[in-house]
Amino acid sequence: MIYLPIGMKSDTAAARPGRPRAFDPDAALERAMHVFWAKGYEGASLSDLTRAMRINRPSLYAAFGNKEQLFRKVLDRYMNGPVAYFGKALAAPKARDVVEEIFLGTVRMADDPTVPAGCLMVQGALACGDTSVRKEAAARRAASEAMLRRRLQRAKREGDLPRSAGPAELACYVMTVVRGMAVQSASGASRDQLRRVAQIALRAWPKR
């Protein structure tokens, strides 16, 4: 039998279920999001992640799973955090207001100094060699477009869009502009430049 000095706990005792973590998982996930956002999925090494999250690898695996599982959790956080404006915009009363709010939300995020430039779902995994990660990001982008398409379909049923308007084509158009704005933001475009892009894009919106 091995005896320990009074007050010292064994590794087994330290690993017992229910022992509170020595770090804040929410804060760690936020930091991981910034790493993936700035460096992309492949560019973010485990060392980059653990350093930013202020945890070691065993703690990362225990709390979040492997790198791919962590990235999926980060995407959830991204959708519910920095780009939550997208879901809120869908509640605007008119279709044009919905699209304007999406564009302006993109502009505001691009001008936010507390987050990396660009879009995590575009830059994070677009050129990623990991097929599973690339498909996951693509599925998230497609889901956002589908949400907007359904909102525009409703607008057409309510007479808020002309009968000739195609909700699917309009949703694709809006998301293409948004992603283009994100790429321009990552390339250094200013808030005023992005706002002008949004204004020009809105001029093409179909009138009843």
Protein backbone atom coordinates (compact mmCIF):
# COMPACT_ATOMS: atom_id res chain seq x y z
CA MET A 1 0.00 0.00 0.00
CA ILE A 2 1.22 3.52 -0.85
CA TYR A 3 0.75 6.15 1.81
CA LEU A 4 0.38 9.81 0.95
CA PRO A 5 1.13 12.79 3.16
CA ILE A 6 -1.90 14.13 5.01
CA GLY A 7 -3.98 16.42 2.79
CA MET A 8 -2.55 15.10 -0.50
CA LYS A 9 -5.00 13.43 -2.89
CA SER A 10 -4.14 10.60 -5.21
CA ASP A 11 -4.57 10.87 -9.00
CA THR A 12 -7.48 8.45 -8.70
CA ALA A 13 -9.22 10.67 -6.21
CA ALA A 14 -8.57 13.72 -8.36
CA ALA A 15 -10.20 12.03 -11.35
CA ARG A 16 -13.38 10.97 -9.56
CA PRO A 17 -16.61 11.74 -11.40
CA GLY A 18 -18.29 14.89 -10.24
CA ARG A 19 -15.09 16.71 -9.39
CA PRO A 20 -15.54 20.31 -10.60
CA ARG A 21 -13.35 21.37 -13.50
CA ALA A 22 -10.54 23.78 -12.76
CA PHE A 23 -11.50 25.91 -15.78
CA ASP A 24 -14.58 27.59 -17.22
CA PRO A 25 -15.72 25.50 -20.23
CA ASP A 26 -17.75 28.40 -21.61
CA ALA A 27 -14.76 30.75 -21.58
CA ALA A 28 -12.52 28.04 -23.02
CA LEU A 29 -14.96 27.43 -25.88
CA GLU A 30 -15.10 31.16 -26.60
CA ARG A 31 -11.31 31.25 -26.89
CA ALA A 32 -11.31 28.17 -29.12
CA MET A 33 -13.81 29.90 -31.41
CA HIS A 34 -11.44 32.82 -31.86
CA VAL A 35 -8.56 30.49 -32.73
CA PHE A 36 -10.54 28.58 -35.36
CA TRP A 37 -11.96 31.84 -36.69
CA ALA A 38 -8.55 33.44 -37.10
CA LYS A 39 -6.58 30.39 -38.29
CA GLY A 40 -9.13 28.08 -39.86
CA TYR A 41 -9.69 24.46 -38.91
CA GLU A 42 -6.45 23.11 -40.32
CA GLY A 43 -4.39 26.12 -39.32
CA ALA A 44 -5.42 25.79 -35.67
CA SER A 45 -3.10 23.27 -34.03
CA LEU A 46 -3.91 21.53 -30.77
CA SER A 47 -1.10 23.54 -29.20
CA ASP A 48 -2.72 26.76 -30.43
CA LEU A 49 -6.05 25.67 -29.00
CA THR A 50 -4.85 24.46 -25.60
CA ARG A 51 -2.72 27.57 -25.17
CA ALA A 52 -5.60 29.88 -25.97
CA MET A 53 -8.11 27.86 -23.95
CA ARG A 54 -5.66 27.71 -21.01
CA ILE A 55 -6.08 24.00 -20.55
CA ASN A 56 -4.04 20.88 -21.28
CA ARG A 57 -4.87 18.26 -23.89
CA PRO A 58 -6.44 15.73 -21.50
CA SER A 59 -8.78 18.45 -20.24
CA LEU A 60 -9.67 19.43 -23.81
CA TYR A 61 -10.50 15.84 -24.76
CA ALA A 62 -12.46 15.27 -21.55
CA ALA A 63 -14.55 18.40 -21.89
CA PHE A 64 -14.98 18.79 -25.66
CA GLY A 65 -13.87 15.59 -27.38
CA ASN A 66 -11.38 15.59 -30.24
CA LYS A 67 -10.53 18.54 -32.47
CA GLU A 68 -13.41 17.89 -34.87
CA GLN A 69 -15.92 17.63 -32.03
CA LEU A 70 -14.56 20.85 -30.56
CA PHE A 71 -14.97 22.57 -33.92
CA ARG A 72 -18.62 21.48 -34.11
CA LYS A 73 -19.23 22.94 -30.65
CA VAL A 74 -17.50 26.12 -31.77
CA LEU A 75 -19.81 26.35 -34.79
CA ASP A 76 -22.81 26.07 -32.46
CA ARG A 77 -21.42 28.87 -30.35
CA TYR A 78 -20.72 30.98 -33.43
CA MET A 79 -24.29 30.60 -34.68
CA ASN A 80 -25.77 31.41 -31.28
CA GLY A 81 -23.32 34.23 -30.56
CA PRO A 82 -21.61 36.43 -33.18
CA VAL A 83 -24.10 35.66 -35.96
CA ALA A 84 -27.23 35.47 -33.82
CA TYR A 85 -28.28 38.64 -35.64
CA PHE A 86 -29.20 36.43 -38.61
CA GLY A 87 -31.96 34.60 -36.77
CA LYS A 88 -33.23 37.83 -35.23
CA ALA A 89 -33.38 39.47 -38.66
CA LEU A 90 -35.81 36.81 -39.87
CA ALA A 91 -38.38 38.20 -37.45
CA ALA A 92 -38.46 41.59 -39.21
CA PRO A 93 -41.96 42.39 -40.52
CA LYS A 94 -41.06 42.83 -44.20
CA ALA A 95 -38.81 40.80 -46.48
CA ARG A 96 -36.68 43.79 -47.43
CA ASP A 97 -36.23 44.63 -43.75
CA VAL A 98 -35.07 41.05 -43.14
CA VAL A 99 -32.41 41.32 -45.80
CA GLU A 100 -31.32 44.80 -44.75
CA GLU A 101 -30.88 43.61 -41.15
CA ILE A 102 -28.80 40.64 -42.34
CA PHE A 103 -26.56 42.95 -44.38
CA LEU A 104 -26.21 45.47 -41.55
CA GLY A 105 -25.49 42.71 -39.05
CA THR A 106 -22.69 41.51 -41.32
CA VAL A 107 -21.31 45.06 -41.47
CA ARG A 108 -21.46 45.46 -37.69
CA MET A 109 -19.67 42.17 -37.10
CA ALA A 110 -16.97 43.16 -39.58
CA ASP A 111 -16.44 46.35 -37.59
CA ASP A 112 -16.26 44.59 -34.21
CA PRO A 113 -12.65 44.76 -32.94
CA THR A 114 -13.27 41.98 -30.41
CA VAL A 115 -13.65 39.26 -33.06
CA PRO A 116 -11.51 38.15 -36.02
CA ALA A 117 -12.40 39.48 -39.47
CA GLY A 118 -14.44 37.45 -41.92
CA CYS A 119 -16.74 34.49 -41.42
CA LEU A 120 -15.82 31.40 -39.43
CA MET A 121 -18.00 29.13 -41.58
CA VAL A 122 -16.45 30.43 -44.81
CA GLN A 123 -12.78 30.79 -43.89
CA GLY A 124 -12.76 28.19 -41.15
CA ALA A 125 -13.27 25.14 -43.32
CA LEU A 126 -13.83 26.12 -46.95
CA ALA A 127 -10.41 24.91 -48.10
CA CYS A 128 -10.10 22.27 -45.38
CA GLY A 129 -8.73 18.88 -46.38
CA ASP A 130 -10.88 17.13 -43.78
CA THR A 131 -13.98 16.08 -45.70
CA SER A 132 -16.14 15.68 -42.60
CA VAL A 133 -15.33 19.16 -41.33
CA ARG A 134 -15.82 20.70 -44.77
CA LYS A 135 -19.22 19.02 -45.11
CA GLU A 136 -20.25 20.15 -41.63
CA ALA A 137 -19.47 23.79 -42.40
CA ALA A 138 -21.23 23.51 -45.77
CA ALA A 139 -24.29 22.03 -44.07
CA ARG A 140 -24.40 24.94 -41.63
CA ARG A 141 -24.20 27.43 -44.48
CA ALA A 142 -26.96 25.58 -46.34
CA ALA A 143 -29.13 25.58 -43.22
CA SER A 144 -28.85 29.36 -42.92
CA GLU A 145 -29.82 29.79 -46.56
CA ALA A 146 -32.78 27.44 -46.08
CA MET A 147 -34.00 29.50 -43.13
CA LEU A 148 -33.91 32.63 -45.24
CA ARG A 149 -35.60 30.85 -48.17
CA ARG A 150 -38.49 29.77 -45.94
CA ARG A 151 -38.87 33.33 -44.64
CA LEU A 152 -39.01 34.68 -48.20
CA GLN A 153 -41.48 31.99 -49.22
CA ARG A 154 -43.73 33.20 -46.43
CA ALA A 155 -43.26 36.79 -47.61
CA LYS A 156 -44.37 35.79 -51.08
CA ARG A 157 -47.47 34.04 -49.74
CA GLU A 158 -48.32 37.18 -47.78
CA GLY A 159 -47.93 39.39 -50.85
CA ASP A 160 -44.77 41.02 -49.53
CA LEU A 161 -42.86 39.92 -52.64
CA PRO A 162 -44.01 40.18 -56.27
CA ARG A 163 -45.43 37.02 -57.86
CA SER A 164 -42.44 36.87 -60.22
CA ALA A 165 -39.93 36.75 -57.33
CA GLY A 166 -38.16 33.45 -56.63
CA PRO A 167 -37.52 32.96 -52.89
CA ALA A 168 -34.83 30.33 -53.50
CA GLU A 169 -32.94 32.55 -55.96
CA LEU A 170 -33.26 35.58 -53.68
CA ALA A 171 -32.00 33.63 -50.67
CA CYS A 172 -29.02 32.40 -52.69
CA TYR A 173 -28.34 35.98 -53.85
CA VAL A 174 -28.42 37.37 -50.31
CA MET A 175 -26.15 34.69 -48.89
CA THR A 176 -23.70 35.14 -51.77
CA VAL A 177 -23.49 38.85 -50.99
CA VAL A 178 -23.09 38.17 -47.27
CA ARG A 179 -20.27 35.68 -47.83
CA GLY A 180 -18.61 38.04 -50.27
CA MET A 181 -18.77 40.80 -47.67
CA ALA A 182 -17.15 38.46 -45.15
CA VAL A 183 -14.30 37.72 -47.55
CA GLN A 184 -13.85 41.43 -48.23
CA SER A 185 -13.81 42.09 -44.49
CA ALA A 186 -11.07 39.48 -44.02
CA SER A 187 -9.15 41.27 -46.78
CA GLY A 188 -9.33 44.57 -44.93
CA ALA A 189 -12.44 46.27 -46.29
CA SER A 190 -13.72 49.08 -44.07
CA ARG A 191 -17.15 49.34 -42.53
CA ASP A 192 -18.06 52.14 -44.98
CA GLN A 193 -17.01 50.02 -47.96
CA LEU A 194 -19.11 47.09 -46.76
CA ARG A 195 -22.06 49.35 -46.05
CA ARG A 196 -21.92 50.63 -49.65
CA VAL A 197 -21.90 47.04 -50.91
CA ALA A 198 -25.02 46.38 -48.83
CA GLN A 199 -26.72 49.49 -50.19
CA ILE A 200 -25.99 48.53 -53.79
CA ALA A 201 -27.23 44.99 -53.19
CA LEU A 202 -30.48 46.31 -51.73
CA ARG A 203 -31.14 48.35 -54.86
CA ALA A 204 -31.58 45.09 -56.73
CA TRP A 205 -34.31 43.93 -54.34
CA PRO A 206 -37.56 43.27 -56.27
CA LYS A 207 -40.28 45.86 -55.88
CA ARG A 208 -43.94 44.98 -55.63
